């Protein structure tokens, strides 16, 4: 990914999290934990995963989804899924 694609991804990624969680885009940091810091429960996480899948046209296995604890985890997994093979 080049820099402009990276910036667009980050904006889209932050906007999706904000829209799904109600947290402002400005307050989204890589270290935020979905459960502890944003108060998301397991149903909220399922909804977020579905939003990621729909928005970025990827699929997560159950094992992958269960490992997403922080914003950084979600970003890294999405980046890995979007990387050309």
C-alpha atoms as a PDB file:
ATOM      1  CA  UNK A   1       0.000   0.000   0.000  1.00  0.00           C
ATOM      2  CA  UNK A   2       1.293   3.445  -0.850  1.00  0.00           C
ATOM      3  CA  UNK A   3       0.948   6.414   1.519  1.00  0.00           C
ATOM      4  CA  UNK A   4      -2.315   7.759   0.066  1.00  0.00           C
ATOM      5  CA  UNK A   5      -3.913   4.303   0.164  1.00  0.00           C
ATOM      6  CA  UNK A   6      -2.700   3.931   3.750  1.00  0.00           C
ATOM      7  CA  UNK A   7      -4.244   7.278   4.731  1.00  0.00           C
ATOM      8  CA  UNK A   8      -7.547   6.391   3.050  1.00  0.00           C
ATOM      9  CA  UNK A   9      -7.570   3.020   4.816  1.00  0.00           C
ATOM     10  CA  UNK A  10      -6.927   4.627   8.196  1.00  0.00           C
ATOM     11  CA  UNK A  11      -9.724   7.172   7.682  1.00  0.00           C
ATOM     12  CA  UNK A  12     -12.173   4.504   6.558  1.00  0.00           C
ATOM     13  CA  UNK A  13     -11.104   2.232   9.422  1.00  0.00           C
ATOM     14  CA  UNK A  14     -11.501   4.948  12.074  1.00  0.00           C
ATOM     15  CA  UNK A  15     -14.848   6.088  10.636  1.00  0.00           C
ATOM     16  CA  UNK A  16     -16.191   2.534  10.740  1.00  0.00           C
ATOM     17  CA  UNK A  17     -15.142   2.061  14.366  1.00  0.00           C
ATOM     18  CA  UNK A  18     -16.634   5.432  15.311  1.00  0.00           C
ATOM     19  CA  UNK A  19     -19.899   4.670  13.529  1.00  0.00           C
ATOM     20  CA  UNK A  20     -20.158   1.217  15.093  1.00  0.00           C
ATOM     21  CA  UNK A  21     -19.074   2.078  18.642  1.00  0.00           C
ATOM     22  CA  UNK A  22     -20.207   5.672  19.080  1.00  0.00           C
ATOM     23  CA  UNK A  23     -16.649   6.726  19.965  1.00  0.00           C
ATOM     24  CA  UNK A  24     -15.396   9.834  18.166  1.00  0.00           C
ATOM     25  CA  UNK A  25     -12.844   9.304  15.401  1.00  0.00           C
ATOM     26  CA  UNK A  26     -10.445  11.677  17.149  1.00  0.00           C
ATOM     27  CA  UNK A  27     -10.423   9.566  20.301  1.00  0.00           C
ATOM     28  CA  UNK A  28      -9.642   6.280  18.529  1.00  0.00           C
ATOM     29  CA  UNK A  29      -6.121   5.161  19.387  1.00  0.00           C
ATOM     30  CA  UNK A  30      -4.381   1.905  18.505  1.00  0.00           C
ATOM     31  CA  UNK A  31      -4.056   1.002  22.174  1.00  0.00           C
ATOM     32  CA  UNK A  32      -7.790   1.201  22.919  1.00  0.00           C
ATOM     33  CA  UNK A  33      -9.308  -2.096  23.986  1.00  0.00           C
ATOM     34  CA  UNK A  34     -12.748  -2.779  22.563  1.00  0.00           C
ATOM     35  CA  UNK A  35     -14.074  -4.446  25.699  1.00  0.00           C
ATOM     36  CA  UNK A  36     -12.435  -2.593  28.572  1.00  0.00           C
ATOM     37  CA  UNK A  37     -11.992   0.890  27.075  1.00  0.00           C
ATOM     38  CA  UNK A  38     -15.013   1.083  24.759  1.00  0.00           C
ATOM     39  CA  UNK A  39     -17.392  -1.089  26.778  1.00  0.00           C
ATOM     40  CA  UNK A  40     -18.173  -3.438  23.907  1.00  0.00           C
ATOM     41  CA  UNK A  41     -19.632  -6.848  24.682  1.00  0.00           C
ATOM     42  CA  UNK A  42     -19.419  -9.982  22.541  1.00  0.00           C
ATOM     43  CA  UNK A  43     -22.480  -9.047  20.456  1.00  0.00           C
ATOM     44  CA  UNK A  44     -21.000  -5.603  19.775  1.00  0.00           C
ATOM     45  CA  UNK A  45     -17.789  -7.295  18.630  1.00  0.00           C
ATOM     46  CA  UNK A  46     -19.683  -9.614  16.279  1.00  0.00           C
ATOM     47  CA  UNK A  47     -21.385  -6.559  14.768  1.00  0.00           C
ATOM     48  CA  UNK A  48     -18.040  -4.776  14.405  1.00  0.00           C
ATOM     49  CA  UNK A  49     -16.482  -7.811  12.700  1.00  0.00           C
ATOM     50  CA  UNK A  50     -19.421  -7.969  10.278  1.00  0.00           C
ATOM     51  CA  UNK A  51     -18.958  -4.267   9.524  1.00  0.00           C
ATOM     52  CA  UNK A  52     -15.238  -4.833   8.836  1.00  0.00           C
ATOM     53  CA  UNK A  53     -16.051  -7.749   6.550  1.00  0.00           C
ATOM     54  CA  UNK A  54     -18.672  -5.807   4.613  1.00  0.00           C
ATOM     55  CA  UNK A  55     -16.705  -2.569   4.333  1.00  0.00           C
ATOM     56  CA  UNK A  56     -13.365  -4.091   3.379  1.00  0.00           C
ATOM     57  CA  UNK A  57     -14.647  -7.185   1.522  1.00  0.00           C
ATOM     58  CA  UNK A  58     -12.744  -9.663   3.680  1.00  0.00           C
ATOM     59  CA  UNK A  59     -13.681 -12.625   5.850  1.00  0.00           C
ATOM     60  CA  UNK A  60     -12.480 -13.459   9.332  1.00  0.00           C
ATOM     61  CA  UNK A  61     -12.362 -16.933  10.804  1.00  0.00           C
ATOM     62  CA  UNK A  62     -13.772 -17.365  14.292  1.00  0.00           C
ATOM     63  CA  UNK A  63     -10.222 -17.810  15.607  1.00  0.00           C
ATOM     64  CA  UNK A  64      -9.098 -14.544  13.994  1.00  0.00           C
ATOM     65  CA  UNK A  65     -12.119 -12.650  15.302  1.00  0.00           C
ATOM     66  CA  UNK A  66     -11.567 -13.914  18.852  1.00  0.00           C
ATOM     67  CA  UNK A  67      -8.014 -12.509  18.834  1.00  0.00           C
ATOM     68  CA  UNK A  68      -9.178  -8.943  18.166  1.00  0.00           C
ATOM     69  CA  UNK A  69      -8.878  -7.202  21.518  1.00  0.00           C
ATOM     70  CA  UNK A  70      -7.553  -3.771  20.568  1.00  0.00           C
ATOM     71  CA  UNK A  71      -7.878  -1.305  17.720  1.00  0.00           C
ATOM     72  CA  UNK A  72      -4.312  -2.265  16.778  1.00  0.00           C
ATOM     73  CA  UNK A  73      -5.260  -5.952  16.566  1.00  0.00           C
ATOM     74  CA  UNK A  74      -8.135  -5.140  14.211  1.00  0.00           C
ATOM     75  CA  UNK A  75      -6.012  -2.823  12.062  1.00  0.00           C
ATOM     76  CA  UNK A  76      -3.145  -5.298  11.730  1.00  0.00           C
ATOM     77  CA  UNK A  77      -5.448  -8.179  10.828  1.00  0.00           C
ATOM     78  CA  UNK A  78      -7.272  -6.082   8.240  1.00  0.00           C
ATOM     79  CA  UNK A  79      -3.989  -4.884   6.753  1.00  0.00           C
ATOM     80  CA  UNK A  80      -2.830  -8.495   6.510  1.00  0.00           C
ATOM     81  CA  UNK A  81      -6.097  -9.518   4.806  1.00  0.00           C
ATOM     82  CA  UNK A  82      -5.880  -6.638   2.323  1.00  0.00           C
ATOM     83  CA  UNK A  83      -2.242  -7.255   1.400  1.00  0.00           C
ATOM     84  CA  UNK A  84      -1.889  -8.584  -2.147  1.00  0.00           C
ATOM     85  CA  UNK A  85      -0.820 -12.216  -2.256  1.00  0.00           C
END
